[in-house]
């Protein structure tokens, strides 16, 4: 499976608020970074599941619009507009590192 296909499955599951399908795209030991912090914000699939169950998939209006995607081998870079989390939509750039057929690491850069 291509890196782009893995990220697209993750995005589709996010937009469907399908927690099981969403977390299945991530490695057991996934690391999620939010620069400029050097340490990961979340580590592991269980922590990812817990965060998205409590903080994201509870929002009825949750939706991500893909504005642009670049693929460089096993790295996928998405520019997205997120709806339903804050009072107004906001933009984020997410860098996904794919290992095998799962997301191993992400770096999220959100507009303030």
N, C-alpha and C. Protein backbone atom coordinates (compact mmCIF):
# COMPACT_ATOMS: atom_id res chain seq x y z
N UNK A 1 0.85 -1.17 0.00
CA UNK A 1 0.00 0.00 0.00
C UNK A 1 0.89 1.24 0.00
N UNK A 2 0.52 2.23 -0.77
CA UNK A 2 1.32 3.45 -0.85
C UNK A 2 1.16 4.30 0.40
N UNK A 3 2.15 5.13 0.66
CA UNK A 3 2.08 6.06 1.79
C UNK A 3 0.87 6.96 1.65
N UNK A 4 0.61 7.43 0.45
CA UNK A 4 -0.54 8.30 0.23
C UNK A 4 -1.85 7.59 0.55
N UNK A 5 -1.97 6.32 0.21
CA UNK A 5 -3.19 5.56 0.49
C UNK A 5 -3.41 5.41 1.99
N UNK A 6 -2.33 5.20 2.74
CA UNK A 6 -2.46 5.08 4.21
C UNK A 6 -2.99 6.38 4.79
N UNK A 7 -2.42 7.51 4.36
CA UNK A 7 -2.84 8.81 4.88
C UNK A 7 -4.28 9.11 4.45
N UNK A 8 -4.64 8.75 3.24
CA UNK A 8 -6.01 8.99 2.78
C UNK A 8 -7.01 8.17 3.59
N UNK A 9 -6.67 6.91 3.89
CA UNK A 9 -7.57 6.09 4.73
C UNK A 9 -7.76 6.72 6.11
N UNK A 10 -6.66 7.26 6.65
CA UNK A 10 -6.72 7.94 7.94
C UNK A 10 -7.62 9.16 7.85
N UNK A 11 -7.50 9.96 6.80
CA UNK A 11 -8.32 11.15 6.63
C UNK A 11 -9.80 10.78 6.45
N UNK A 12 -10.06 9.75 5.68
CA UNK A 12 -11.44 9.31 5.47
C UNK A 12 -12.07 8.86 6.80
N UNK A 13 -11.31 8.12 7.60
CA UNK A 13 -11.82 7.66 8.90
C UNK A 13 -12.03 8.84 9.84
N UNK A 14 -11.14 9.82 9.80
CA UNK A 14 -11.29 11.04 10.61
C UNK A 14 -12.59 11.74 10.27
N UNK A 15 -12.83 11.93 8.98
CA UNK A 15 -14.03 12.64 8.55
C UNK A 15 -15.30 11.84 8.84
N UNK A 16 -15.20 10.54 8.92
CA UNK A 16 -16.35 9.69 9.27
C UNK A 16 -16.48 9.54 10.79
N UNK A 17 -15.52 10.08 11.52
CA UNK A 17 -15.45 9.91 12.98
C UNK A 17 -15.52 8.43 13.36
N UNK A 18 -14.78 7.62 12.58
CA UNK A 18 -14.68 6.18 12.81
C UNK A 18 -13.39 5.92 13.57
N UNK A 19 -13.47 5.91 14.89
CA UNK A 19 -12.30 5.82 15.74
C UNK A 19 -11.48 4.56 15.48
N UNK A 20 -12.14 3.43 15.33
CA UNK A 20 -11.40 2.17 15.11
C UNK A 20 -10.62 2.21 13.80
N UNK A 21 -11.26 2.64 12.73
CA UNK A 21 -10.57 2.72 11.43
C UNK A 21 -9.46 3.77 11.47
N UNK A 22 -9.70 4.86 12.19
CA UNK A 22 -8.70 5.93 12.30
C UNK A 22 -7.44 5.42 12.98
N UNK A 23 -7.57 4.87 14.18
CA UNK A 23 -6.37 4.44 14.92
C UNK A 23 -5.69 3.24 14.27
N UNK A 24 -6.42 2.47 13.49
CA UNK A 24 -5.82 1.31 12.81
C UNK A 24 -4.75 1.73 11.80
N UNK A 25 -4.76 2.97 11.38
CA UNK A 25 -3.77 3.45 10.40
C UNK A 25 -2.44 3.81 11.06
N UNK A 26 -2.41 3.80 12.39
CA UNK A 26 -1.22 4.21 13.15
C UNK A 26 -0.52 3.01 13.76
N UNK A 27 0.81 3.11 13.84
CA UNK A 27 1.61 2.06 14.46
C UNK A 27 1.34 2.02 15.97
N UNK A 28 1.57 0.87 16.58
CA UNK A 28 1.38 0.72 18.02
C UNK A 28 2.19 1.74 18.81
N UNK A 29 3.39 2.05 18.33
CA UNK A 29 4.29 2.96 19.04
C UNK A 29 4.37 4.34 18.37
N UNK A 30 3.30 4.76 17.72
CA UNK A 30 3.27 6.04 17.02
C UNK A 30 3.68 7.19 17.94
N UNK A 31 4.33 8.18 17.34
CA UNK A 31 4.70 9.40 18.05
C UNK A 31 4.11 10.58 17.29
N UNK A 32 3.37 11.45 18.02
CA UNK A 32 2.78 12.65 17.43
C UNK A 32 3.44 13.87 18.04
N UNK A 33 4.01 14.70 17.18
CA UNK A 33 4.73 15.90 17.61
C UNK A 33 3.94 17.14 17.24
N UNK A 34 4.09 18.16 18.09
CA UNK A 34 3.50 19.48 17.83
C UNK A 34 4.59 20.52 18.04
N UNK A 35 5.45 20.72 17.01
CA UNK A 35 6.52 21.71 17.14
C UNK A 35 5.95 23.07 17.52
N UNK A 36 6.70 23.84 18.28
CA UNK A 36 8.14 23.72 18.50
C UNK A 36 8.54 22.79 19.64
N UNK A 37 7.60 22.15 20.32
CA UNK A 37 7.96 21.21 21.39
C UNK A 37 8.81 20.08 20.81
N UNK A 38 9.89 19.77 21.50
CA UNK A 38 10.79 18.71 21.02
C UNK A 38 10.28 17.32 21.37
N UNK A 39 9.57 17.20 22.48
CA UNK A 39 9.05 15.90 22.92
C UNK A 39 7.71 15.63 22.26
N UNK A 40 7.39 14.37 22.02
CA UNK A 40 6.09 14.06 21.42
C UNK A 40 4.93 14.45 22.35
N UNK A 41 3.85 14.93 21.74
CA UNK A 41 2.64 15.28 22.48
C UNK A 41 1.87 14.02 22.88
N UNK A 42 1.93 13.00 22.02
CA UNK A 42 1.28 11.71 22.28
C UNK A 42 2.23 10.61 21.84
N UNK A 43 2.24 9.51 22.59
CA UNK A 43 3.03 8.34 22.23
C UNK A 43 2.14 7.11 22.38
N UNK A 44 2.07 6.33 21.33
CA UNK A 44 1.34 5.07 21.37
C UNK A 44 -0.09 5.16 20.87
N UNK A 45 -0.53 4.06 20.30
CA UNK A 45 -1.88 3.99 19.74
C UNK A 45 -2.95 4.17 20.81
N UNK A 46 -2.73 3.64 22.02
CA UNK A 46 -3.72 3.79 23.10
C UNK A 46 -3.91 5.25 23.48
N UNK A 47 -2.83 6.00 23.57
CA UNK A 47 -2.92 7.43 23.89
C UNK A 47 -3.60 8.19 22.76
N UNK A 48 -3.31 7.81 21.53
CA UNK A 48 -3.96 8.42 20.36
C UNK A 48 -5.46 8.17 20.41
N UNK A 49 -5.85 6.93 20.66
CA UNK A 49 -7.27 6.58 20.75
C UNK A 49 -7.96 7.39 21.84
N UNK A 50 -7.36 7.45 23.00
CA UNK A 50 -7.95 8.17 24.12
C UNK A 50 -8.13 9.65 23.78
N UNK A 51 -7.10 10.29 23.23
CA UNK A 51 -7.18 11.71 22.89
C UNK A 51 -8.29 11.97 21.87
N UNK A 52 -8.33 11.21 20.78
CA UNK A 52 -9.33 11.47 19.74
C UNK A 52 -10.74 11.12 20.21
N UNK A 53 -10.87 10.13 21.08
CA UNK A 53 -12.20 9.79 21.63
C UNK A 53 -12.72 10.92 22.52
N UNK A 54 -11.84 11.54 23.30
CA UNK A 54 -12.24 12.59 24.24
C UNK A 54 -12.27 13.99 23.63
N UNK A 55 -11.32 14.27 22.73
CA UNK A 55 -11.08 15.66 22.30
C UNK A 55 -11.48 15.98 20.86
N UNK A 56 -11.71 14.99 20.03
CA UNK A 56 -12.00 15.29 18.63
C UNK A 56 -13.31 14.66 18.15
N UNK A 57 -13.45 13.38 18.27
CA UNK A 57 -14.60 12.71 17.66
C UNK A 57 -15.91 12.98 18.39
N UNK A 58 -15.87 13.73 19.46
CA UNK A 58 -17.08 14.13 20.17
C UNK A 58 -17.75 15.35 19.52
N UNK A 59 -17.06 16.00 18.61
CA UNK A 59 -17.57 17.20 17.93
C UNK A 59 -18.37 16.80 16.69
N UNK A 60 -19.66 17.07 16.70
CA UNK A 60 -20.53 16.69 15.58
C UNK A 60 -20.10 17.33 14.27
N UNK A 61 -19.54 18.53 14.32
CA UNK A 61 -19.15 19.24 13.11
C UNK A 61 -17.73 18.96 12.66
N UNK A 62 -17.07 17.98 13.27
CA UNK A 62 -15.67 17.69 12.93
C UNK A 62 -15.54 17.28 11.47
N UNK A 63 -14.60 17.94 10.79
CA UNK A 63 -14.35 17.62 9.39
C UNK A 63 -13.04 18.28 8.97
N UNK A 64 -12.27 17.59 8.16
CA UNK A 64 -11.03 18.14 7.62
C UNK A 64 -11.14 18.21 6.10
N UNK A 65 -10.90 19.40 5.55
CA UNK A 65 -10.82 19.57 4.11
C UNK A 65 -9.36 19.51 3.71
N UNK A 66 -9.04 18.67 2.76
CA UNK A 66 -7.68 18.59 2.25
C UNK A 66 -7.49 19.71 1.24
N UNK A 67 -6.58 20.62 1.54
CA UNK A 67 -6.31 21.76 0.66
C UNK A 67 -5.18 21.46 -0.31
N UNK A 68 -4.19 20.69 0.15
CA UNK A 68 -3.04 20.35 -0.70
C UNK A 68 -2.34 19.14 -0.09
N UNK A 69 -1.79 18.29 -0.95
CA UNK A 69 -1.02 17.12 -0.51
C UNK A 69 0.23 16.99 -1.35
N UNK A 70 1.35 16.74 -0.67
CA UNK A 70 2.62 16.41 -1.34
C UNK A 70 3.07 15.06 -0.83
N UNK A 71 3.61 14.26 -1.74
CA UNK A 71 4.10 12.93 -1.37
C UNK A 71 5.57 12.84 -1.79
N UNK A 72 6.42 12.52 -0.82
CA UNK A 72 7.85 12.34 -1.05
C UNK A 72 8.23 10.97 -0.51
N UNK A 73 8.08 9.94 -1.32
CA UNK A 73 8.38 8.58 -0.86
C UNK A 73 7.45 8.18 0.25
N UNK A 74 8.03 7.90 1.43
CA UNK A 74 7.25 7.45 2.59
C UNK A 74 6.79 8.62 3.46
N UNK A 75 6.94 9.85 2.97
CA UNK A 75 6.51 11.03 3.70
C UNK A 75 5.37 11.70 2.95
N UNK A 76 4.30 11.99 3.66
CA UNK A 76 3.14 12.67 3.08
C UNK A 76 2.92 13.95 3.87
N UNK A 77 2.73 15.05 3.14
CA UNK A 77 2.52 16.35 3.77
C UNK A 77 1.16 16.87 3.34
N UNK A 78 0.27 17.03 4.30
CA UNK A 78 -1.09 17.52 4.03
C UNK A 78 -1.28 18.92 4.60
N UNK A 79 -1.92 19.77 3.82
CA UNK A 79 -2.39 21.08 4.29
C UNK A 79 -3.90 20.93 4.39
N UNK A 80 -4.43 21.09 5.60
CA UNK A 80 -5.85 20.83 5.85
C UNK A 80 -6.52 22.03 6.50
N UNK A 81 -7.81 22.13 6.31
CA UNK A 81 -8.64 23.09 7.05
C UNK A 81 -9.55 22.26 7.94
N UNK A 82 -9.47 22.50 9.25
CA UNK A 82 -10.20 21.73 10.24
C UNK A 82 -11.43 22.51 10.69
N UNK A 83 -12.57 21.84 10.66
CA UNK A 83 -13.84 22.42 11.10
C UNK A 83 -14.33 21.66 12.34
N UNK A 84 -15.02 22.39 13.22
CA UNK A 84 -15.73 21.74 14.32
C UNK A 84 -14.99 21.62 15.62
N UNK A 85 -13.71 21.99 15.67
CA UNK A 85 -12.95 21.90 16.91
C UNK A 85 -12.95 23.25 17.63
N UNK A 86 -12.71 24.30 16.89
CA UNK A 86 -12.71 25.67 17.42
C UNK A 86 -13.93 26.39 16.87
N UNK A 87 -14.24 27.56 17.41
CA UNK A 87 -15.39 28.30 16.89
C UNK A 87 -15.30 28.59 15.39
N UNK A 88 -14.09 28.80 14.90
CA UNK A 88 -13.89 29.05 13.46
C UNK A 88 -12.92 28.00 12.91
N UNK A 89 -13.06 27.65 11.62
CA UNK A 89 -12.11 26.71 11.02
C UNK A 89 -10.68 27.24 11.14
N UNK A 90 -9.73 26.33 11.21
CA UNK A 90 -8.32 26.70 11.25
C UNK A 90 -7.54 25.77 10.34
N UNK A 91 -6.35 26.21 9.96
CA UNK A 91 -5.53 25.42 9.05
C UNK A 91 -4.38 24.76 9.79
N UNK A 92 -3.99 23.62 9.28
CA UNK A 92 -2.90 22.84 9.86
C UNK A 92 -2.14 22.18 8.72
N UNK A 93 -0.84 22.05 8.92
CA UNK A 93 -0.01 21.25 8.03
C UNK A 93 0.46 20.06 8.85
N UNK A 94 0.24 18.87 8.32
CA UNK A 94 0.65 17.65 9.02
C UNK A 94 1.61 16.88 8.14
N UNK A 95 2.75 16.52 8.71
CA UNK A 95 3.74 15.69 8.04
C UNK A 95 3.60 14.28 8.61
N UNK A 96 3.34 13.32 7.74
CA UNK A 96 3.17 11.93 8.13
C UNK A 96 4.37 11.12 7.67
N UNK A 97 4.97 10.36 8.56
CA UNK A 97 6.04 9.44 8.19
C UNK A 97 5.45 8.03 8.23
N UNK A 98 5.47 7.37 7.09
CA UNK A 98 4.89 6.04 6.97
C UNK A 98 6.00 4.98 7.03
N UNK A 99 5.78 3.96 7.84
CA UNK A 99 6.67 2.81 7.91
C UNK A 99 5.82 1.59 7.66
N UNK A 100 6.17 0.83 6.63
CA UNK A 100 5.33 -0.30 6.23
C UNK A 100 4.03 0.24 5.70
N UNK A 101 2.94 -0.13 6.34
CA UNK A 101 1.63 0.39 5.91
C UNK A 101 0.91 1.10 7.06
N UNK A 102 1.71 1.73 7.94
CA UNK A 102 1.13 2.46 9.06
C UNK A 102 1.86 3.78 9.27
N UNK A 103 1.17 4.69 9.91
CA UNK A 103 1.74 5.99 10.26
C UNK A 103 2.58 5.80 11.52
N UNK A 104 3.88 6.10 11.41
CA UNK A 104 4.80 5.91 12.54
C UNK A 104 5.00 7.20 13.33
N UNK A 105 5.01 8.35 12.63
CA UNK A 105 5.22 9.64 13.27
C UNK A 105 4.47 10.72 12.51
N UNK A 106 4.01 11.72 13.27
CA UNK A 106 3.44 12.90 12.64
C UNK A 106 3.99 14.15 13.31
N UNK A 107 4.03 15.22 12.53
CA UNK A 107 4.39 16.54 13.02
C UNK A 107 3.27 17.47 12.56
N UNK A 108 2.59 18.13 13.50
CA UNK A 108 1.46 18.99 13.18
C UNK A 108 1.82 20.44 13.47
N UNK A 109 1.59 21.27 12.48
CA UNK A 109 1.85 22.71 12.58
C UNK A 109 0.51 23.42 12.36
N UNK A 110 -0.10 23.91 13.44
CA UNK A 110 -1.41 24.53 13.36
C UNK A 110 -1.28 26.04 13.34
N UNK A 111 -2.14 26.68 12.54
CA UNK A 111 -2.22 28.13 12.54
C UNK A 111 -2.83 28.57 13.87
N UNK A 112 -2.33 29.63 14.40
CA UNK A 112 -2.83 30.10 15.70
C UNK A 112 -3.98 31.06 15.52
